[in-house]
């Protein structure tokens, strides 16, 4: 809740020796410093919110970096954090239901929960696929791996912050312009770099099913995702089928996840004669917290470097981009 201006006291991690540190998303929330208390769920949303709110919001991300966001259960201490929030940004599309339910149970007067996914795509645009079958009722929620959708998240966040804090609306608008420019540059660089990947290699087989909205944007086809909808391991029959598919499609590389380690996918790749890349990230930015690359931009740049190179392309146009935060004063 906005109140009189009092200088906040919060101890942060040391600034890295190289580059400019990000403020991150572990602020101590307070009602005494004149800033909006903003709570987020997964790290990509936290990073986007930081780039719009900059240093003029206090921001706390409930889901720890590197945690399986699909199975994350908030702790009792998170209830206290959520109860302090003025705004809670969630992804929606059933990704962060436990956190949203806890937020609803602890929402203080005047606070609001903003579900970004439902405001970004219509129900007709939902994707149901390998790990998110339509019969289960929940669409694939990973909108943010498509940079234009991440830009839409930023626009919603900027509008929400400005409505709650009109005194800083011009600051949020300027930050949105800066961040939109960075996201547009990322979008263009990815599209350009994908043209260097042989057309027959523009196929994705991943462990975690997080590229459903990315693929059509850039001319890829997701031919499979190993992780079943219940987040268990695939059956022997499914493994055999995937090996046959990789061989038939002549897929040069398959992609695991730093969050979801999978010996099964490594075995599948070895038996099918494909390279195994196990470092893709869909909701865990690279580097240590507060490092300049520990951002949504840094995550996507790193992913493209790994993905496009493994598929026979050149990611130089993407890796030339800065991963750093763009908000005024960063």
Protein backbone atom coordinates (compact mmCIF):
# COMPACT_ATOMS: atom_id res chain seq x y z
CA UNK A 1 0.00 0.00 0.00
CA UNK A 2 1.36 3.41 -0.95
CA UNK A 3 2.28 5.48 2.05
CA UNK A 4 4.66 8.25 3.03
CA UNK A 5 8.13 8.09 1.55
CA UNK A 6 10.57 6.29 3.82
CA UNK A 7 13.90 5.01 2.56
CA UNK A 8 13.76 1.17 2.40
CA UNK A 9 16.34 -0.89 4.20
CA UNK A 10 17.10 -4.20 2.45
CA UNK A 11 20.31 -6.15 2.19
CA UNK A 12 20.99 -7.48 -1.30
CA UNK A 13 23.60 -9.83 -2.66
CA UNK A 14 26.88 -8.29 -3.72
CA UNK A 15 27.01 -6.76 -7.19
CA UNK A 16 28.92 -8.93 -9.69
CA UNK A 17 32.34 -7.64 -10.67
CA UNK A 18 31.40 -7.63 -14.38
CA UNK A 19 28.25 -6.08 -15.80
CA UNK A 20 25.35 -4.38 -14.09
CA UNK A 21 23.49 -6.26 -11.39
CA UNK A 22 19.78 -6.86 -11.61
CA UNK A 23 17.68 -5.98 -8.58
CA UNK A 24 16.13 -9.43 -8.79
CA UNK A 25 12.83 -10.30 -7.14
CA UNK A 26 13.50 -10.94 -3.48
CA UNK A 27 12.65 -7.54 -2.01
CA UNK A 28 11.39 -7.26 1.54
CA UNK A 29 7.81 -6.04 1.26
CA UNK A 30 6.82 -3.05 3.35
CA UNK A 31 3.89 -0.68 3.75
CA UNK A 32 6.15 2.11 4.94
CA UNK A 33 8.23 3.12 1.91
CA UNK A 34 5.73 4.50 -0.60
CA UNK A 35 6.16 1.65 -3.08
CA UNK A 36 3.68 -0.85 -4.40
CA UNK A 37 4.14 -4.33 -3.02
CA UNK A 38 4.19 -6.63 -6.05
CA UNK A 39 4.24 -10.42 -5.80
CA UNK A 40 4.84 -12.72 -8.76
CA UNK A 41 5.09 -16.45 -9.34
CA UNK A 42 7.57 -17.84 -11.91
CA UNK A 43 10.89 -16.14 -12.66
CA UNK A 44 10.09 -14.99 -16.22
CA UNK A 45 7.11 -13.03 -14.90
CA UNK A 46 9.23 -11.69 -12.04
CA UNK A 47 11.90 -10.50 -14.47
CA UNK A 48 9.35 -8.82 -16.73
CA UNK A 49 7.73 -7.11 -13.73
CA UNK A 50 11.11 -5.83 -12.56
CA UNK A 51 11.78 -4.29 -15.96
CA UNK A 52 8.52 -2.36 -15.82
CA UNK A 53 8.45 -1.47 -12.13
CA UNK A 54 12.19 -0.93 -11.86
CA UNK A 55 13.32 0.36 -8.49
CA UNK A 56 9.94 1.97 -7.77
CA UNK A 57 8.23 -1.24 -6.71
CA UNK A 58 9.06 -3.82 -4.10
CA UNK A 59 8.99 -7.18 -5.85
CA UNK A 60 8.92 -10.70 -4.48
CA UNK A 61 8.78 -13.88 -6.56
CA UNK A 62 7.11 -16.71 -4.65
CA UNK A 63 8.33 -19.62 -6.80
CA UNK A 64 12.07 -20.17 -6.18
CA UNK A 65 14.26 -20.20 -9.28
CA UNK A 66 14.85 -23.69 -10.60
CA UNK A 67 11.71 -25.10 -8.98
CA UNK A 68 9.15 -27.17 -10.89
CA UNK A 69 6.45 -24.54 -11.18
CA UNK A 70 3.82 -27.14 -12.10
CA UNK A 71 4.13 -28.98 -8.81
CA UNK A 72 5.18 -26.07 -6.58
CA UNK A 73 3.22 -25.83 -3.36
CA UNK A 74 3.55 -22.50 -1.52
CA UNK A 75 4.66 -22.60 2.10
CA UNK A 76 2.84 -20.99 5.07
CA UNK A 77 5.42 -18.20 4.95
CA UNK A 78 4.27 -17.43 1.40
CA UNK A 79 0.78 -16.74 2.75
CA UNK A 80 2.24 -13.90 4.81
CA UNK A 81 3.96 -12.50 1.72
CA UNK A 82 0.81 -12.75 -0.38
CA UNK A 83 -1.16 -11.01 2.37
CA UNK A 84 1.17 -7.99 2.05
CA UNK A 85 0.75 -7.66 -1.71
CA UNK A 86 -1.00 -4.82 -3.48
CA UNK A 87 -0.80 -6.67 -6.80
CA UNK A 88 -0.17 -10.36 -7.46
CA UNK A 89 0.80 -11.27 -11.02
CA UNK A 90 0.24 -14.93 -11.89
CA UNK A 91 0.64 -16.72 -15.20
CA UNK A 92 -2.75 -18.38 -15.05
CA UNK A 93 -3.82 -21.13 -17.46
CA UNK A 94 -3.67 -23.43 -14.43
CA UNK A 95 0.13 -23.17 -14.07
CA UNK A 96 0.18 -21.59 -10.62
CA UNK A 97 -3.16 -22.69 -9.18
CA UNK A 98 -1.93 -23.49 -5.63
CA UNK A 99 -0.34 -20.04 -5.33
CA UNK A 100 -3.40 -18.35 -6.77
CA UNK A 101 -5.70 -20.18 -4.36
CA UNK A 102 -3.49 -19.21 -1.42
CA UNK A 103 -3.44 -15.62 -2.67
CA UNK A 104 -7.24 -15.54 -2.89
CA UNK A 105 -7.48 -16.83 0.67
CA UNK A 106 -5.11 -14.16 1.98
CA UNK A 107 -5.90 -11.19 -0.26
CA UNK A 108 -6.06 -7.97 1.69
CA UNK A 109 -8.57 -5.22 1.05
CA UNK A 110 -7.90 -3.40 -2.20
CA UNK A 111 -5.36 -5.89 -3.50
CA UNK A 112 -5.79 -7.60 -6.86
CA UNK A 113 -4.69 -10.77 -8.63
CA UNK A 114 -3.82 -10.33 -12.31
CA UNK A 115 -3.74 -13.44 -14.48
CA UNK A 116 -1.49 -12.62 -17.42
CA UNK A 117 -2.07 -15.67 -19.59
CA UNK A 118 -5.82 -15.24 -19.88
CA UNK A 119 -5.32 -11.61 -20.94
CA UNK A 120 -2.68 -12.53 -23.52
CA UNK A 121 -4.36 -15.29 -25.55
CA UNK A 122 -7.98 -16.18 -26.14
CA UNK A 123 -9.34 -19.62 -25.40
CA UNK A 124 -9.29 -20.29 -29.15
CA UNK A 125 -5.51 -19.78 -29.09
CA UNK A 126 -4.82 -22.26 -26.30
CA UNK A 127 -2.52 -25.13 -27.24
CA UNK A 128 -3.25 -28.65 -26.06
CA UNK A 129 -0.45 -31.06 -26.82
CA UNK A 130 1.85 -33.80 -25.52
CA UNK A 131 2.08 -32.98 -21.81
CA UNK A 132 -1.14 -30.96 -21.81
CA UNK A 133 -3.82 -33.09 -23.51
CA UNK A 134 -7.21 -31.51 -24.07
CA UNK A 135 -8.98 -34.21 -22.09
CA UNK A 136 -7.15 -32.99 -18.96
CA UNK A 137 -8.65 -29.54 -19.46
CA UNK A 138 -5.55 -27.40 -18.87
CA UNK A 139 -3.77 -25.81 -21.86
CA UNK A 140 -0.04 -25.50 -22.25
CA UNK A 141 0.73 -22.45 -20.07
CA UNK A 142 4.23 -21.56 -21.35
CA UNK A 143 3.29 -18.43 -23.28
CA UNK A 144 6.42 -16.51 -22.35
CA UNK A 145 8.78 -18.57 -24.55
CA UNK A 146 7.19 -16.58 -27.40
CA UNK A 147 8.73 -13.08 -26.99
CA UNK A 148 5.71 -11.21 -28.40
CA UNK A 149 3.62 -12.84 -25.68
CA UNK A 150 6.21 -11.77 -23.12
CA UNK A 151 5.78 -8.26 -24.50
CA UNK A 152 2.04 -8.54 -23.92
CA UNK A 153 2.76 -9.56 -20.32
CA UNK A 154 4.86 -6.40 -19.99
CA UNK A 155 2.04 -4.25 -21.37
CA UNK A 156 -0.47 -5.70 -18.91
CA UNK A 157 1.93 -5.19 -16.02
CA UNK A 158 2.63 -1.59 -17.04
CA UNK A 159 -1.09 -0.79 -17.29
CA UNK A 160 -1.78 -2.39 -13.91
CA UNK A 161 1.06 -0.58 -12.13
CA UNK A 162 0.09 2.75 -13.70
CA UNK A 163 -3.54 2.39 -12.62
CA UNK A 164 -2.50 1.69 -9.02
CA UNK A 165 0.34 4.22 -8.90
CA UNK A 166 -0.46 7.10 -11.28
CA UNK A 167 2.30 9.29 -9.84
CA UNK A 168 4.82 6.91 -11.43
CA UNK A 169 2.84 6.16 -14.62
CA UNK A 170 5.30 8.05 -16.84
CA UNK A 171 8.18 6.04 -15.36
CA UNK A 172 6.39 2.75 -16.01
CA UNK A 173 5.53 3.86 -19.55
CA UNK A 174 9.15 4.74 -20.28
CA UNK A 175 10.26 1.39 -18.90
CA UNK A 176 7.70 -0.38 -21.08
CA UNK A 177 9.08 1.38 -24.15
CA UNK A 178 12.63 0.37 -23.28
CA UNK A 179 11.69 -3.22 -22.56
CA UNK A 180 9.45 -3.52 -25.62
CA UNK A 181 12.36 -2.40 -27.77
CA UNK A 182 14.54 -5.13 -26.24
CA UNK A 183 11.85 -7.77 -26.78
CA UNK A 184 11.31 -6.64 -30.37
CA UNK A 185 15.05 -6.91 -30.98
CA UNK A 186 15.04 -10.41 -29.50
CA UNK A 187 12.11 -11.41 -31.72
CA UNK A 188 13.86 -10.13 -34.86
CA UNK A 189 17.17 -11.74 -33.93
CA UNK A 190 15.58 -15.13 -33.28
CA UNK A 191 13.68 -15.01 -36.58
CA UNK A 192 16.85 -14.08 -38.45
CA UNK A 193 18.92 -16.76 -36.73
CA UNK A 194 16.36 -19.48 -37.41
CA UNK A 195 16.89 -18.97 -41.14
CA UNK A 196 20.42 -20.36 -40.65
CA UNK A 197 19.01 -23.65 -39.36
CA UNK A 198 18.47 -26.15 -42.20
CA UNK A 199 14.74 -26.44 -42.85
CA UNK A 200 14.79 -30.19 -42.23
CA UNK A 201 16.26 -29.58 -38.76
CA UNK A 202 13.57 -27.19 -37.53
CA UNK A 203 12.03 -29.84 -35.32
CA UNK A 204 11.93 -29.85 -31.54
CA UNK A 205 11.79 -32.87 -29.31
CA UNK A 206 12.04 -31.79 -25.71
CA UNK A 207 11.68 -33.27 -22.27
CA UNK A 208 9.52 -30.53 -20.77
CA UNK A 209 6.72 -29.33 -23.03
CA UNK A 210 7.43 -25.61 -22.94
CA UNK A 211 7.90 -24.56 -26.57
CA UNK A 212 4.38 -24.88 -27.97
CA UNK A 213 3.93 -21.12 -28.46
CA UNK A 214 7.52 -20.48 -29.51
CA UNK A 215 7.58 -23.04 -32.33
CA UNK A 216 4.91 -21.67 -34.69
CA UNK A 217 6.22 -18.14 -34.26
CA UNK A 218 9.59 -19.10 -35.76
CA UNK A 219 8.76 -21.95 -38.12
CA UNK A 220 9.56 -24.90 -35.88
CA UNK A 221 7.48 -28.01 -35.34
CA UNK A 222 7.36 -29.62 -31.90
CA UNK A 223 7.39 -33.32 -32.78
CA UNK A 224 7.28 -34.56 -29.21
CA UNK A 225 7.70 -33.95 -25.52
CA UNK A 226 8.94 -36.80 -23.36
CA UNK A 227 7.45 -35.78 -20.02
CA UNK A 228 3.91 -37.18 -19.57
CA UNK A 229 1.07 -35.00 -18.34
CA UNK A 230 1.45 -36.34 -14.79
CA UNK A 231 5.16 -35.38 -14.80
CA UNK A 232 6.25 -39.00 -14.42
CA UNK A 233 8.65 -40.82 -16.76
CA UNK A 234 7.48 -42.27 -20.11
CA UNK A 235 6.69 -45.95 -20.41
CA UNK A 236 9.05 -48.38 -22.21
CA UNK A 237 6.64 -48.40 -25.14
CA UNK A 238 6.69 -44.61 -25.32
CA UNK A 239 10.49 -44.61 -25.14
CA UNK A 240 10.70 -47.07 -28.03
CA UNK A 241 8.29 -44.96 -30.05
CA UNK A 242 10.33 -41.81 -29.45
CA UNK A 243 13.53 -43.52 -30.56
CA UNK A 244 11.84 -44.64 -33.77
CA UNK A 245 10.47 -41.14 -34.32
CA UNK A 246 13.85 -39.44 -33.85
CA UNK A 247 15.46 -41.86 -36.28
CA UNK A 248 12.67 -41.45 -38.84
CA UNK A 249 12.66 -37.65 -38.57
CA UNK A 250 16.48 -37.50 -38.53
CA UNK A 251 16.40 -35.09 -35.64
CA UNK A 252 20.00 -33.96 -34.92
CA UNK A 253 19.44 -33.01 -31.28
CA UNK A 254 16.93 -33.48 -28.48
CA UNK A 255 16.57 -31.07 -25.61
CA UNK A 256 16.39 -31.68 -21.90
CA UNK A 257 15.96 -29.18 -19.12
CA UNK A 258 18.14 -27.93 -16.30
CA UNK A 259 15.11 -28.09 -14.01
CA UNK A 260 13.91 -31.51 -15.16
CA UNK A 261 16.94 -33.80 -15.31
CA UNK A 262 16.12 -36.89 -17.37
CA UNK A 263 18.27 -39.98 -17.74
CA UNK A 264 15.51 -41.35 -19.94
CA UNK A 265 15.86 -38.61 -22.55
CA UNK A 266 19.63 -39.00 -22.50
CA UNK A 267 19.16 -42.71 -23.16
CA UNK A 268 16.68 -41.99 -25.97
CA UNK A 269 19.13 -39.61 -27.63
CA UNK A 270 22.01 -42.06 -27.37
CA UNK A 271 20.02 -44.93 -28.86
CA UNK A 272 18.66 -42.75 -31.66
CA UNK A 273 22.05 -41.24 -32.49
CA UNK A 274 21.06 -37.66 -31.65
CA UNK A 275 22.90 -35.11 -29.56
CA UNK A 276 21.50 -34.55 -26.09
CA UNK A 277 21.35 -30.94 -24.89
CA UNK A 278 20.27 -30.84 -21.25
CA UNK A 279 20.48 -27.15 -20.42
CA UNK A 280 17.35 -25.52 -21.84
CA UNK A 281 15.50 -23.33 -19.35
CA UNK A 282 11.90 -22.29 -19.55
CA UNK A 283 11.50 -20.64 -16.14
CA UNK A 284 14.98 -20.46 -14.59
CA UNK A 285 17.21 -17.61 -15.80
CA UNK A 286 20.93 -18.39 -16.08
CA UNK A 287 23.58 -17.19 -13.66
CA UNK A 288 23.31 -16.41 -10.00
CA UNK A 289 20.51 -14.24 -8.61
CA UNK A 290 21.29 -10.55 -9.21
CA UNK A 291 23.80 -11.38 -11.97
CA UNK A 292 23.22 -9.27 -15.12
CA UNK A 293 22.29 -12.34 -17.18
CA UNK A 294 19.77 -13.59 -14.59
CA UNK A 295 16.82 -12.20 -16.53
CA UNK A 296 14.12 -13.29 -18.94
CA UNK A 297 16.21 -11.87 -21.79
CA UNK A 298 19.26 -13.76 -20.55
CA UNK A 299 17.27 -16.98 -20.40
CA UNK A 300 16.00 -16.68 -23.96
CA UNK A 301 19.39 -15.67 -25.34
CA UNK A 302 20.99 -18.69 -23.67
CA UNK A 303 18.25 -21.00 -24.93
CA UNK A 304 18.63 -19.82 -28.50
CA UNK A 305 22.39 -20.22 -28.39
CA UNK A 306 21.98 -23.83 -27.26
CA UNK A 307 19.02 -24.72 -29.47
CA UNK A 308 19.98 -23.14 -32.76
CA UNK A 309 23.61 -24.23 -32.59
CA UNK A 310 22.61 -27.83 -31.86
CA UNK A 311 20.27 -27.84 -34.86
CA UNK A 312 22.97 -26.62 -37.25
CA UNK A 313 22.30 -22.90 -37.15
CA UNK A 314 24.11 -19.75 -36.09
CA UNK A 315 22.84 -17.82 -33.08
CA UNK A 316 25.27 -14.89 -33.32
CA UNK A 317 22.49 -12.38 -33.95
CA UNK A 318 20.85 -13.43 -30.69
CA UNK A 319 23.95 -13.74 -28.55
CA UNK A 320 24.99 -10.23 -29.60
CA UNK A 321 22.03 -8.88 -27.63
CA UNK A 322 22.37 -7.69 -24.06
CA UNK A 323 20.66 -9.83 -21.42
CA UNK A 324 20.62 -6.99 -18.92
CA UNK A 325 17.60 -5.24 -17.44
CA UNK A 326 16.45 -2.15 -19.32
CA UNK A 327 14.44 -0.13 -16.79
CA UNK A 328 15.41 3.49 -16.15
CA UNK A 329 18.31 3.56 -13.74
CA UNK A 330 19.42 -0.02 -14.40
